[in-house]
Amino acid sequence: MKLVFAGTPEVAVPALDALIASERHEVAAVVTRPDARAGRGRRLVPSPVAQRAEEEGIEVLKPARPRDEDFLARLREIGPDCAPVVAYGALLPRVALDVPARGWVNLHFSLLPAWRGAAPVQHALLAGDEMTGASTFLIEEGLDSGPVYGVITEKVQPTDTSGDLLTRLAFAGAGLLAATMDGIEDGTLRAVPQPEEGVSLAPKIGVEDARIDWEAPALRVDRLVRACTPAPGAWTVFRGERLKVRSLTPETGQPSGGGGLGPGELAAGKNSVLVGTGSHPVELQWVQPQGKKPMPAADWARGVRVAESERLGV
């Protein structure tokens, strides 16, 4: 089939690579978000998908909006049979959805109908899901509500961050998307409507959502840190400045409160830094002070000279 691939971030690149490597399909063009400013110089940088496509000599389309007439006219000129999508980052209007003969097929990183939305992996970690996966489905105008072609499953490991889990799903999902294209082409695959039960939503997690509540149980704090790593980054406040928490380990010993540590209270030893929560303390592993690089928590504590009974989050 002639394909137009839509995607933007690094997580979409494995799927693009799988389709480029396929002997059955031709990636005629790539659709991605416009160049964005990045780095200290704030210069315009193409998306990872755009960079990969340019390396392969594939035409790259960067519409400001997918309903722009110039983009739609070029899409019709290309005449794709199907348009696979991975984390494109913009809603596709009906006028664009109608162009490919066999529709737009999205690779979504959840077991639909669970976690429809922009941040399925983060929400799976926040909820403590033990199993997740990826689904391919035919895009409709609703939010990730179209009929499903195929799924793969992935076990969530106890120490997984969203970055860890998303990386595994990106590579496993690439194979699923390529197989879905094969099945659509040869007619062996039919999309099945999603069940009405089990729907959950996964809206984007913003910076304010990533602030740590030290009154919460240790398990909840751990899930938040892992879900928000690497982005947007879980954070707290120390001496009036933002401190990112890159990783921590839940302790299972003495509960917080009473003779233990109160929520947010720090206990800095020679090689460890404990913080009280609403249940048990957690041990900070890596932190990132404002304007600095990530560092071991023990090094940070020695540098700032944590005083007795000082707290995070105040």
Protein backbone atom coordinates (compact mmCIF):
# COMPACT_ATOMS: atom_id res chain seq x y z
CA MET A 1 0.00 0.00 0.00
CA LYS A 2 0.99 3.60 -0.47
CA LEU A 3 1.23 5.13 3.02
CA VAL A 4 1.40 8.61 4.50
CA PHE A 5 2.81 8.33 8.02
CA ALA A 6 1.83 10.88 10.69
CA GLY A 7 3.92 11.26 13.84
CA THR A 8 6.08 13.73 15.71
CA PRO A 9 8.18 12.66 18.76
CA GLU A 10 10.99 10.15 19.15
CA VAL A 11 8.54 7.48 20.30
CA ALA A 12 7.04 7.45 16.78
CA VAL A 13 10.34 6.77 15.01
CA PRO A 14 10.46 2.96 15.56
CA ALA A 15 7.08 2.61 13.83
CA LEU A 16 8.24 4.77 10.92
CA ASP A 17 11.38 2.62 10.64
CA ALA A 18 9.30 -0.57 10.61
CA LEU A 19 7.14 0.72 7.77
CA ILE A 20 10.14 1.97 5.78
CA ALA A 21 11.70 -1.49 6.13
CA SER A 22 8.54 -3.24 4.97
CA GLU A 23 8.75 -4.72 1.49
CA ARG A 24 4.98 -4.55 1.11
CA HIS A 25 4.40 -0.84 1.65
CA GLU A 26 5.72 2.49 0.40
CA VAL A 27 5.97 5.45 2.78
CA ALA A 28 5.24 8.18 0.24
CA ALA A 29 5.27 11.08 2.72
CA VAL A 30 5.37 11.96 6.39
CA VAL A 31 3.09 14.40 8.23
CA THR A 32 4.50 15.96 11.38
CA ARG A 33 4.14 19.01 13.59
CA PRO A 34 5.92 22.22 12.53
CA ASP A 35 9.48 22.82 13.69
CA ALA A 36 9.64 23.85 17.37
CA ARG A 37 12.10 26.01 19.27
CA ALA A 38 14.50 24.11 21.51
CA GLY A 39 17.78 24.49 23.36
CA ARG A 40 19.39 27.54 24.89
CA GLY A 41 19.45 29.37 21.57
CA ARG A 42 15.73 28.66 21.04
CA ARG A 43 16.40 27.80 17.42
CA LEU A 44 13.81 26.01 15.31
CA VAL A 45 14.38 22.24 15.26
CA PRO A 46 12.54 19.65 13.12
CA SER A 47 10.70 16.90 14.96
CA PRO A 48 12.44 13.52 15.38
CA VAL A 49 10.07 12.03 12.79
CA ALA A 50 10.86 14.82 10.33
CA GLN A 51 14.59 14.28 10.82
CA ARG A 52 14.28 10.54 10.24
CA ALA A 53 12.16 11.01 7.11
CA GLU A 54 14.60 13.53 5.67
CA GLU A 55 17.44 11.03 6.18
CA GLU A 56 15.49 8.61 3.99
CA GLY A 57 14.61 11.23 1.37
CA ILE A 58 10.90 11.03 2.18
CA GLU A 59 8.72 14.09 1.59
CA VAL A 60 7.82 15.85 4.85
CA LEU A 61 4.58 17.83 5.32
CA LYS A 62 4.39 20.22 8.29
CA PRO A 63 0.95 21.83 8.29
CA ALA A 64 0.21 24.37 11.03
CA ARG A 65 -3.23 22.79 11.08
CA PRO A 66 -4.34 19.54 9.39
CA ARG A 67 -7.29 21.38 7.85
CA ASP A 68 -5.04 23.81 5.92
CA GLU A 69 -6.02 23.79 2.25
CA ASP A 70 -2.46 23.50 0.92
CA PHE A 71 -1.88 20.42 3.07
CA LEU A 72 -5.16 18.79 2.08
CA ALA A 73 -4.50 19.45 -1.60
CA ARG A 74 -1.06 17.80 -1.38
CA LEU A 75 -2.50 14.88 0.56
CA ARG A 76 -5.06 14.32 -2.19
CA GLU A 77 -2.32 14.53 -4.82
CA ILE A 78 -0.32 11.80 -3.05
CA GLY A 79 -3.46 9.66 -2.78
CA PRO A 80 -2.46 7.33 0.07
CA ASP A 81 -4.19 4.01 0.50
CA CYS A 82 -3.81 4.28 4.28
CA ALA A 83 -2.31 6.69 6.82
CA PRO A 84 -0.72 5.11 9.94
CA VAL A 85 -0.42 7.48 12.91
CA VAL A 86 1.77 7.45 16.03
CA ALA A 87 1.68 10.40 18.45
CA TYR A 88 1.10 13.00 15.75
CA GLY A 89 -0.12 15.61 18.24
CA ALA A 90 -3.06 17.24 16.44
CA LEU A 91 -6.70 16.34 15.87
CA LEU A 92 -7.53 15.25 12.34
CA PRO A 93 -10.68 16.85 10.87
CA ARG A 94 -13.19 14.85 8.87
CA VAL A 95 -12.01 16.46 5.63
CA ALA A 96 -8.55 14.93 6.23
CA LEU A 97 -9.87 11.61 7.55
CA ASP A 98 -11.75 11.05 4.28
CA VAL A 99 -8.66 11.27 2.03
CA PRO A 100 -6.95 7.85 2.47
CA ALA A 101 -9.02 5.09 0.92
CA ARG A 102 -8.56 2.84 3.97
CA GLY A 103 -8.50 5.56 6.59
CA TRP A 104 -6.05 6.67 9.25
CA VAL A 105 -4.91 3.93 11.62
CA ASN A 106 -3.55 4.97 15.01
CA LEU A 107 -1.06 3.11 17.22
CA HIS A 108 -2.18 3.98 20.76
CA PHE A 109 -0.20 2.97 23.84
CA SER A 110 -2.93 1.35 25.92
CA LEU A 111 -5.31 -1.58 25.86
CA LEU A 112 -8.37 0.24 24.54
CA PRO A 113 -10.92 1.23 25.71
CA ALA A 114 -8.70 1.89 28.75
CA TRP A 115 -6.80 5.17 28.87
CA ARG A 116 -8.10 7.06 25.87
CA GLY A 117 -6.27 10.36 25.52
CA ALA A 118 -2.88 12.04 25.36
CA ALA A 119 -1.08 10.36 28.29
CA PRO A 120 -2.07 6.66 28.47
CA VAL A 121 1.26 5.37 29.78
CA GLN A 122 1.49 7.97 32.54
CA HIS A 123 -2.05 7.25 33.71
CA ALA A 124 -1.48 3.49 33.66
CA LEU A 125 1.46 4.01 36.05
CA LEU A 126 -0.50 6.42 38.24
CA ALA A 127 -3.29 3.87 38.55
CA GLY A 128 -0.89 1.06 39.41
CA ASP A 129 -1.85 -1.08 36.41
CA GLU A 130 0.09 -4.33 36.33
CA MET A 131 -0.52 -4.85 32.61
CA THR A 132 -0.78 -2.45 29.70
CA GLY A 133 -0.07 -2.64 25.99
CA ALA A 134 -0.74 -1.03 22.63
CA SER A 135 -3.67 -1.03 20.23
CA THR A 136 -4.13 -0.20 16.57
CA PHE A 137 -7.50 1.29 15.66
CA LEU A 138 -9.30 3.11 12.86
CA ILE A 139 -9.46 6.80 13.70
CA GLU A 140 -12.91 8.35 13.97
CA GLU A 141 -13.83 11.86 15.07
CA GLY A 142 -14.27 10.71 18.70
CA LEU A 143 -11.41 10.51 21.20
CA ASP A 144 -9.59 7.20 20.53
CA SER A 145 -12.99 5.53 20.16
CA GLY A 146 -12.62 3.81 16.78
CA PRO A 147 -12.78 0.07 16.15
CA VAL A 148 -9.64 -1.91 17.04
CA TYR A 149 -7.54 -3.94 14.60
CA GLY A 150 -5.02 -5.52 16.96
CA VAL A 151 -3.42 -5.39 20.41
CA ILE A 152 -0.22 -6.41 22.16
CA THR A 153 0.27 -6.64 25.92
CA GLU A 154 3.19 -5.50 28.09
CA LYS A 155 3.79 -6.22 31.77
CA VAL A 156 4.46 -3.16 33.90
CA GLN A 157 7.63 -3.62 35.96
CA PRO A 158 7.70 -2.29 39.57
CA THR A 159 10.41 0.27 38.79
CA ASP A 160 9.16 1.36 35.35
CA THR A 161 9.07 5.06 34.58
CA SER A 162 6.83 6.33 31.80
CA GLY A 163 9.99 6.69 29.70
CA ASP A 164 10.96 3.04 30.26
CA LEU A 165 7.51 1.71 29.48
CA LEU A 166 6.93 3.96 26.49
CA THR A 167 10.23 2.91 24.94
CA ARG A 168 9.31 -0.77 25.14
CA LEU A 169 5.83 -0.11 23.79
CA ALA A 170 7.21 1.99 20.93
CA PHE A 171 9.33 -0.89 19.63
CA ALA A 172 6.74 -3.62 20.25
CA GLY A 173 4.01 -1.40 18.84
CA ALA A 174 6.02 -0.78 15.68
CA GLY A 175 5.68 -4.44 14.80
CA LEU A 176 1.98 -4.35 15.59
CA LEU A 177 1.43 -1.36 13.30
CA ALA A 178 3.34 -2.97 10.43
CA ALA A 179 1.36 -6.19 10.86
CA THR A 180 -1.85 -4.17 10.91
CA MET A 181 -0.94 -2.57 7.58
CA ASP A 182 -0.29 -6.05 6.15
CA GLY A 183 -3.64 -7.33 7.39
CA ILE A 184 -5.54 -4.36 6.03
CA GLU A 185 -3.89 -4.74 2.64
CA ASP A 186 -4.60 -8.45 2.23
CA GLY A 187 -8.06 -8.28 3.78
CA THR A 188 -7.36 -10.69 6.64
CA LEU A 189 -7.90 -8.06 9.35
CA ARG A 190 -11.20 -6.51 10.39
CA ALA A 191 -11.62 -3.75 12.95
CA VAL A 192 -13.76 -4.70 15.96
CA PRO A 193 -15.81 -2.05 17.82
CA GLN A 194 -14.53 -1.21 21.29
CA PRO A 195 -16.66 -2.41 24.23
CA GLU A 196 -18.74 0.23 25.98
CA GLU A 197 -17.50 -0.97 29.39
CA GLY A 198 -14.04 -0.24 30.74
CA VAL A 199 -13.58 3.20 29.22
CA SER A 200 -11.10 5.43 31.08
CA LEU A 201 -9.54 8.74 30.10
CA ALA A 202 -5.89 9.82 30.10
CA PRO A 203 -5.68 13.61 29.73
CA LYS A 204 -2.32 15.31 29.37
CA ILE A 205 -0.38 15.64 32.65
CA GLY A 206 0.81 19.19 33.19
CA VAL A 207 3.50 20.64 35.41
CA GLU A 208 1.08 21.42 38.24
CA ASP A 209 -0.22 17.84 38.16
CA ALA A 210 3.36 16.66 38.76
CA ARG A 211 3.78 18.40 42.12
CA ILE A 212 4.36 15.85 44.88
CA ASP A 213 1.90 15.76 47.76
CA TRP A 214 3.91 14.46 50.71
CA GLU A 215 0.68 13.88 52.65
CA ALA A 216 -0.12 11.10 50.17
CA PRO A 217 0.91 7.49 50.90
CA ALA A 218 4.39 6.42 49.82
CA LEU A 219 2.94 4.17 47.11
CA ARG A 220 1.13 7.12 45.54
CA VAL A 221 4.25 9.30 45.70
CA ASP A 222 6.29 6.57 44.01
CA ARG A 223 3.73 6.16 41.24
CA LEU A 224 3.63 9.91 40.59
CA VAL A 225 7.41 10.17 40.31
CA ARG A 226 7.64 7.22 37.94
CA ALA A 227 4.68 8.41 35.84
CA CYS A 228 6.16 11.90 35.45
CA THR A 229 9.69 10.75 34.55
CA PRO A 230 11.10 11.99 32.25
CA ALA A 231 8.31 14.49 31.51
CA PRO A 232 6.99 16.74 32.85
CA GLY A 233 9.10 15.77 35.89
CA ALA A 234 7.80 15.30 39.43
CA TRP A 235 8.76 18.20 41.68
CA THR A 236 8.55 19.71 45.12
CA VAL A 237 9.81 22.84 46.86
CA PHE A 238 12.89 23.21 49.09
CA ARG A 239 13.78 26.56 50.65
CA GLY A 240 11.48 28.32 48.25
CA GLU A 241 12.96 26.83 45.06
CA ARG A 242 11.70 24.03 42.87
CA LEU A 243 13.41 20.66 43.26
CA LYS A 244 12.73 17.90 40.75
CA VAL A 245 12.63 14.35 42.08
CA ARG A 246 13.96 12.06 39.37
CA SER A 247 13.76 8.77 41.27
CA LEU A 248 13.08 7.39 44.72
CA THR A 249 12.61 4.09 46.53
CA PRO A 250 9.66 3.43 48.85
CA GLU A 251 10.79 2.26 52.29
CA THR A 252 8.88 -0.50 54.09
CA GLY A 253 10.15 0.08 57.60
CA GLN A 254 8.92 2.49 60.27
CA PRO A 255 5.70 4.32 59.35
CA SER A 256 5.73 8.11 59.11
CA GLY A 257 4.19 10.02 61.99
CA GLY A 258 4.75 9.42 65.69
CA GLY A 259 8.44 8.69 66.20
CA GLY A 260 9.02 8.60 62.41
CA LEU A 261 9.17 11.37 59.83
CA GLY A 262 6.24 13.67 59.20
CA PRO A 263 5.06 14.30 55.64
CA GLY A 264 7.83 16.06 53.72
CA GLU A 265 10.27 15.91 56.66
CA LEU A 266 13.86 15.17 55.63
CA ALA A 267 16.38 12.90 57.33
CA ALA A 268 19.76 13.11 55.62
CA GLY A 269 22.38 10.48 56.43
CA LYS A 270 25.85 9.99 55.00
CA ASN A 271 24.65 7.98 52.02
CA SER A 272 20.87 8.30 52.05
CA VAL A 273 18.08 10.87 52.22
CA LEU A 274 14.69 9.88 53.61
CA VAL A 275 11.48 11.86 53.26
CA GLY A 276 8.31 11.30 55.25
CA THR A 277 4.98 10.72 53.49
CA GLY A 278 1.44 10.02 54.62
CA SER A 279 2.42 6.40 55.28
CA HIS A 280 6.05 5.22 55.15
CA PRO A 281 9.19 7.22 54.32
CA VAL A 282 10.68 7.13 50.85
CA GLU A 283 14.39 7.29 50.01
CA LEU A 284 15.37 9.91 47.43
CA GLN A 285 17.73 8.56 44.78
CA TRP A 286 18.22 11.32 42.19
CA VAL A 287 17.13 14.94 42.37
CA GLN A 288 17.59 18.02 40.19
CA PRO A 289 17.83 21.45 41.82
CA GLN A 290 16.51 24.43 39.89
CA GLY A 291 18.93 25.43 37.13
CA LYS A 292 21.27 22.48 37.73
CA LYS A 293 21.87 18.98 36.41
CA PRO A 294 20.47 15.82 38.06
CA MET A 295 22.58 14.54 40.95
CA PRO A 296 22.49 11.80 43.62
CA ALA A 297 20.24 12.87 46.49
CA ALA A 298 22.96 12.29 49.08
CA ASP A 299 25.31 14.66 47.21
CA TRP A 300 22.57 17.27 47.03
CA ALA A 301 21.81 16.97 50.76
CA ARG A 302 25.48 17.41 51.68
CA GLY A 303 25.76 20.43 49.41
CA VAL A 304 22.75 22.26 50.85
CA ARG A 305 23.42 21.04 54.42
CA VAL A 306 19.93 19.83 55.24
CA ALA A 307 19.04 20.90 58.78
CA GLU A 308 17.16 18.74 61.27
CA SER A 309 13.38 18.78 60.74
CA GLU A 310 13.60 20.64 57.40
CA ARG A 311 10.79 19.74 55.04
CA LEU A 312 10.09 19.44 51.36
CA GLY A 313 6.99 21.01 49.91
CA VAL A 314 6.91 24.04 52.20
